[in-house]
Amino acid sequence: MAVDHETFMRAALEEAEKAKVEGNSAVGSVIVRDGEIIGRGRNLVYTDHDITAHAETVALRLTGDDLKLIDFHGCALYTTFEPCPMCCGAILLSGVSTLVMGGRNDPATSNWPAYRVEDMIQSLGRSNEIEIVNGILVEECLAVRE
């Protein structure tokens, strides 16, 4: 059975829209296990005055707290924009099995000009631990950030 990545990315886009309305960077994430959304997060950096409150870390924190877990093996994390190095580290530590991304950093304008998630994962020798899926609703994921 094929995974419906677009449906889950649309849920992440809903979170990105909420973040944008709240005055934060428009990035949203959802965590999926066995075809069900088990957690959601959105960028809350400005509303929470917390530099670590990126969509991915918020989703992991809230889901972990709600479900009393820290092991996300077997889960997929959908995010509307390529995770930063901090979030990438949290994703790897959590054991998320699949990372699904929409928009990607533009090396010409990014805070991380030479950075790609795949590069970080490979440099840590963890490429065999996580599947990365790119290119899901890219246009929508980039448009929400404008």
C-alpha atoms as a PDB file:
ATOM      1  CA  MET A   1       0.000   0.000   0.000  1.00  0.00           C
ATOM      2  CA  ALA A   2       1.443   3.369  -1.049  1.00  0.00           C
ATOM      3  CA  VAL A   3       1.775   6.109   1.531  1.00  0.00           C
ATOM      4  CA  ASP A   4      -0.295   9.208   0.831  1.00  0.00           C
ATOM      5  CA  HIS A   5       2.459  11.739   1.484  1.00  0.00           C
ATOM      6  CA  GLU A   6       0.382  14.632   0.162  1.00  0.00           C
ATOM      7  CA  THR A   7      -2.384  14.190   2.737  1.00  0.00           C
ATOM      8  CA  PHE A   8       0.084  14.264   5.614  1.00  0.00           C
ATOM      9  CA  MET A   9       1.998  17.194   4.130  1.00  0.00           C
ATOM     10  CA  ARG A  10      -1.275  19.118   3.853  1.00  0.00           C
ATOM     11  CA  ALA A  11      -1.732  18.599   7.601  1.00  0.00           C
ATOM     12  CA  ALA A  12       1.771  19.994   8.132  1.00  0.00           C
ATOM     13  CA  LEU A  13       0.827  22.950   5.906  1.00  0.00           C
ATOM     14  CA  GLU A  14      -2.134  23.655   8.216  1.00  0.00           C
ATOM     15  CA  GLU A  15       0.349  23.957  11.076  1.00  0.00           C
ATOM     16  CA  ALA A  16       2.575  26.238   8.981  1.00  0.00           C
ATOM     17  CA  GLU A  17      -0.400  28.529   8.304  1.00  0.00           C
ATOM     18  CA  LYS A  18      -1.093  28.743  12.064  1.00  0.00           C
ATOM     19  CA  ALA A  19       2.552  29.611  12.730  1.00  0.00           C
ATOM     20  CA  LYS A  20       2.429  32.351  10.104  1.00  0.00           C
ATOM     21  CA  VAL A  21      -0.751  33.885  11.533  1.00  0.00           C
ATOM     22  CA  GLU A  22       0.872  33.879  14.990  1.00  0.00           C
ATOM     23  CA  GLY A  23       3.873  35.835  13.683  1.00  0.00           C
ATOM     24  CA  ASN A  24       6.328  32.956  13.501  1.00  0.00           C
ATOM     25  CA  SER A  25       8.204  31.465  10.571  1.00  0.00           C
ATOM     26  CA  ALA A  26       5.637  29.513   8.551  1.00  0.00           C
ATOM     27  CA  VAL A  27       6.863  25.962   9.117  1.00  0.00           C
ATOM     28  CA  GLY A  28       4.704  23.055  10.253  1.00  0.00           C
ATOM     29  CA  SER A  29       5.266  19.407  11.055  1.00  0.00           C
ATOM     30  CA  VAL A  30       3.243  16.305  11.793  1.00  0.00           C
ATOM     31  CA  ILE A  31       4.308  12.911  13.096  1.00  0.00           C
ATOM     32  CA  VAL A  32       2.666   9.832  11.593  1.00  0.00           C
ATOM     33  CA  ARG A  33       2.617   6.275  12.898  1.00  0.00           C
ATOM     34  CA  ASP A  34       0.738   3.415  11.237  1.00  0.00           C
ATOM     35  CA  GLY A  35      -1.042   5.798   8.871  1.00  0.00           C
ATOM     36  CA  GLU A  36      -2.349   8.056  11.662  1.00  0.00           C
ATOM     37  CA  ILE A  37      -1.216  11.513  12.732  1.00  0.00           C
ATOM     38  CA  ILE A  38      -0.056  11.149  16.332  1.00  0.00           C
ATOM     39  CA  GLY A  39       1.400  14.620  16.782  1.00  0.00           C
ATOM     40  CA  ARG A  40       1.628  18.122  15.391  1.00  0.00           C
ATOM     41  CA  GLY A  41       3.955  21.051  15.758  1.00  0.00           C
ATOM     42  CA  ARG A  42       4.557  24.471  14.301  1.00  0.00           C
ATOM     43  CA  ASN A  43       7.234  27.083  14.626  1.00  0.00           C
ATOM     44  CA  LEU A  44       6.698  28.942  17.918  1.00  0.00           C
ATOM     45  CA  VAL A  45      10.022  30.765  18.204  1.00  0.00           C
ATOM     46  CA  TYR A  46       8.557  34.275  18.507  1.00  0.00           C
ATOM     47  CA  THR A  47       5.375  33.482  20.419  1.00  0.00           C
ATOM     48  CA  ASP A  48       7.201  31.322  22.979  1.00  0.00           C
ATOM     49  CA  HIS A  49      10.442  33.355  22.997  1.00  0.00           C
ATOM     50  CA  ASP A  50      12.267  30.048  22.518  1.00  0.00           C
ATOM     51  CA  ILE A  51      14.941  29.803  19.845  1.00  0.00           C
ATOM     52  CA  THR A  52      14.596  25.987  19.886  1.00  0.00           C
ATOM     53  CA  ALA A  53      10.836  25.993  19.219  1.00  0.00           C
ATOM     54  CA  HIS A  54      11.085  24.976  15.578  1.00  0.00           C
ATOM     55  CA  ALA A  55       8.203  22.989  14.091  1.00  0.00           C
ATOM     56  CA  GLU A  56      10.056  19.671  14.189  1.00  0.00           C
ATOM     57  CA  THR A  57      11.249  19.996  17.800  1.00  0.00           C
ATOM     58  CA  VAL A  58       7.837  21.214  18.931  1.00  0.00           C
ATOM     59  CA  ALA A  59       6.166  18.212  17.267  1.00  0.00           C
ATOM     60  CA  LEU A  60       8.612  15.814  18.933  1.00  0.00           C
ATOM     61  CA  ARG A  61       8.239  17.487  22.359  1.00  0.00           C
ATOM     62  CA  LEU A  62       4.454  17.651  22.333  1.00  0.00           C
ATOM     63  CA  THR A  63       3.997  14.159  20.945  1.00  0.00           C
ATOM     64  CA  GLY A  64       6.522  12.716  23.368  1.00  0.00           C
ATOM     65  CA  ASP A  65       4.782  14.409  26.278  1.00  0.00           C
ATOM     66  CA  ASP A  66       1.265  13.418  25.139  1.00  0.00           C
ATOM     67  CA  LEU A  67       2.147   9.786  24.436  1.00  0.00           C
ATOM     68  CA  LYS A  68       4.883   9.411  27.078  1.00  0.00           C
ATOM     69  CA  LEU A  69       7.508   8.276  24.601  1.00  0.00           C
ATOM     70  CA  ILE A  70      10.935   9.256  23.362  1.00  0.00           C
ATOM     71  CA  ASP A  71      11.412   6.489  20.812  1.00  0.00           C
ATOM     72  CA  PHE A  72       9.894   7.388  17.458  1.00  0.00           C
ATOM     73  CA  HIS A  73      11.092   4.352  15.502  1.00  0.00           C
ATOM     74  CA  GLY A  74       8.454   3.401  12.958  1.00  0.00           C
ATOM     75  CA  CYS A  75       7.245   6.999  12.706  1.00  0.00           C
ATOM     76  CA  ALA A  76       7.445   9.475   9.858  1.00  0.00           C
ATOM     77  CA  LEU A  77       7.987  13.167  10.448  1.00  0.00           C
ATOM     78  CA  TYR A  78       6.538  15.451   7.777  1.00  0.00           C
ATOM     79  CA  THR A  79       7.835  18.990   7.631  1.00  0.00           C
ATOM     80  CA  THR A  80       7.032  21.798   5.252  1.00  0.00           C
ATOM     81  CA  PHE A  81      10.632  23.019   5.105  1.00  0.00           C
ATOM     82  CA  GLU A  82      14.054  21.422   5.290  1.00  0.00           C
ATOM     83  CA  PRO A  83      15.064  21.029   8.952  1.00  0.00           C
ATOM     84  CA  CYS A  84      17.978  23.032  10.339  1.00  0.00           C
ATOM     85  CA  PRO A  85      20.978  21.225  11.872  1.00  0.00           C
ATOM     86  CA  MET A  86      19.441  21.407  15.381  1.00  0.00           C
ATOM     87  CA  CYS A  87      16.200  19.819  14.226  1.00  0.00           C
ATOM     88  CA  CYS A  88      18.046  17.250  12.154  1.00  0.00           C
ATOM     89  CA  GLY A  89      19.928  16.198  15.294  1.00  0.00           C
ATOM     90  CA  ALA A  90      16.685  15.920  17.270  1.00  0.00           C
ATOM     91  CA  ILE A  91      15.096  13.873  14.500  1.00  0.00           C
ATOM     92  CA  LEU A  92      18.048  11.472  14.476  1.00  0.00           C
ATOM     93  CA  LEU A  93      18.086  11.188  18.285  1.00  0.00           C
ATOM     94  CA  SER A  94      14.352  10.470  18.339  1.00  0.00           C
ATOM     95  CA  GLY A  95      14.711   7.506  16.008  1.00  0.00           C
ATOM     96  CA  VAL A  96      12.212   8.810  13.448  1.00  0.00           C
ATOM     97  CA  SER A  97      12.331   6.290  10.599  1.00  0.00           C
ATOM     98  CA  THR A  98      11.251   8.546   7.726  1.00  0.00           C
ATOM     99  CA  LEU A  99      11.690  12.267   7.150  1.00  0.00           C
ATOM    100  CA  VAL A 100       9.384  13.751   4.505  1.00  0.00           C
ATOM    101  CA  MET A 101      10.143  17.300   3.328  1.00  0.00           C
ATOM    102  CA  GLY A 102       8.386  19.886   1.223  1.00  0.00           C
ATOM    103  CA  GLY A 103      10.438  23.017   0.586  1.00  0.00           C
ATOM    104  CA  ARG A 104      14.224  23.084   0.617  1.00  0.00           C
ATOM    105  CA  ASN A 105      16.737  25.739   1.630  1.00  0.00           C
ATOM    106  CA  ASP A 106      17.981  27.954  -1.162  1.00  0.00           C
ATOM    107  CA  PRO A 107      21.775  27.947  -0.781  1.00  0.00           C
ATOM    108  CA  ALA A 108      21.907  31.510  -2.135  1.00  0.00           C
ATOM    109  CA  THR A 109      19.719  32.928   0.656  1.00  0.00           C
ATOM    110  CA  SER A 110      19.881  30.391   3.473  1.00  0.00           C
ATOM    111  CA  ASN A 111      21.461  30.807   6.900  1.00  0.00           C
ATOM    112  CA  TRP A 112      23.028  27.432   6.089  1.00  0.00           C
ATOM    113  CA  PRO A 113      24.292  27.998   2.519  1.00  0.00           C
ATOM    114  CA  ALA A 114      26.110  24.682   2.088  1.00  0.00           C
ATOM    115  CA  TYR A 115      23.716  22.662   4.223  1.00  0.00           C
ATOM    116  CA  ARG A 116      21.524  19.748   3.206  1.00  0.00           C
ATOM    117  CA  VAL A 117      19.847  17.306   5.583  1.00  0.00           C
ATOM    118  CA  GLU A 118      21.309  14.427   3.629  1.00  0.00           C
ATOM    119  CA  ASP A 119      24.822  15.851   4.112  1.00  0.00           C
ATOM    120  CA  MET A 120      24.450  16.050   7.874  1.00  0.00           C
ATOM    121  CA  ILE A 121      23.007  12.575   8.179  1.00  0.00           C
ATOM    122  CA  GLN A 122      25.738  11.140   5.988  1.00  0.00           C
ATOM    123  CA  SER A 123      28.478  12.986   7.896  1.00  0.00           C
ATOM    124  CA  LEU A 124      27.204  11.414  11.113  1.00  0.00           C
ATOM    125  CA  GLY A 125      27.233   7.950   9.549  1.00  0.00           C
ATOM    126  CA  ARG A 126      23.472   7.585  10.038  1.00  0.00           C
ATOM    127  CA  SER A 127      22.304   7.305   6.419  1.00  0.00           C
ATOM    128  CA  ASN A 128      21.156   3.725   6.918  1.00  0.00           C
ATOM    129  CA  GLU A 129      18.914   4.705   9.871  1.00  0.00           C
ATOM    130  CA  ILE A 130      16.481   7.091   8.213  1.00  0.00           C
ATOM    131  CA  GLU A 131      14.673   7.292   4.897  1.00  0.00           C
ATOM    132  CA  ILE A 132      14.396  10.752   3.361  1.00  0.00           C
ATOM    133  CA  VAL A 133      11.587  11.668   0.986  1.00  0.00           C
ATOM    134  CA  ASN A 134      11.812  14.987  -0.893  1.00  0.00           C
ATOM    135  CA  GLY A 135       9.587  17.002  -3.136  1.00  0.00           C
ATOM    136  CA  ILE A 136       6.155  16.659  -1.553  1.00  0.00           C
ATOM    137  CA  LEU A 137       3.949  19.696  -2.317  1.00  0.00           C
ATOM    138  CA  VAL A 138       7.041  21.853  -2.801  1.00  0.00           C
ATOM    139  CA  GLU A 139       5.223  24.823  -4.351  1.00  0.00           C
ATOM    140  CA  GLU A 140       2.665  24.964  -1.527  1.00  0.00           C
ATOM    141  CA  CYS A 141       5.341  24.595   1.124  1.00  0.00           C
ATOM    142  CA  LEU A 142       7.401  27.441  -0.328  1.00  0.00           C
ATOM    143  CA  ALA A 143       4.352  29.661  -0.933  1.00  0.00           C
ATOM    144  CA  VAL A 144       3.236  29.550   2.708  1.00  0.00           C
ATOM    145  CA  ARG A 145       6.568  31.091   3.724  1.00  0.00           C
ATOM    146  CA  GLU A 146       6.068  34.170   1.519  1.00  0.00           C
END
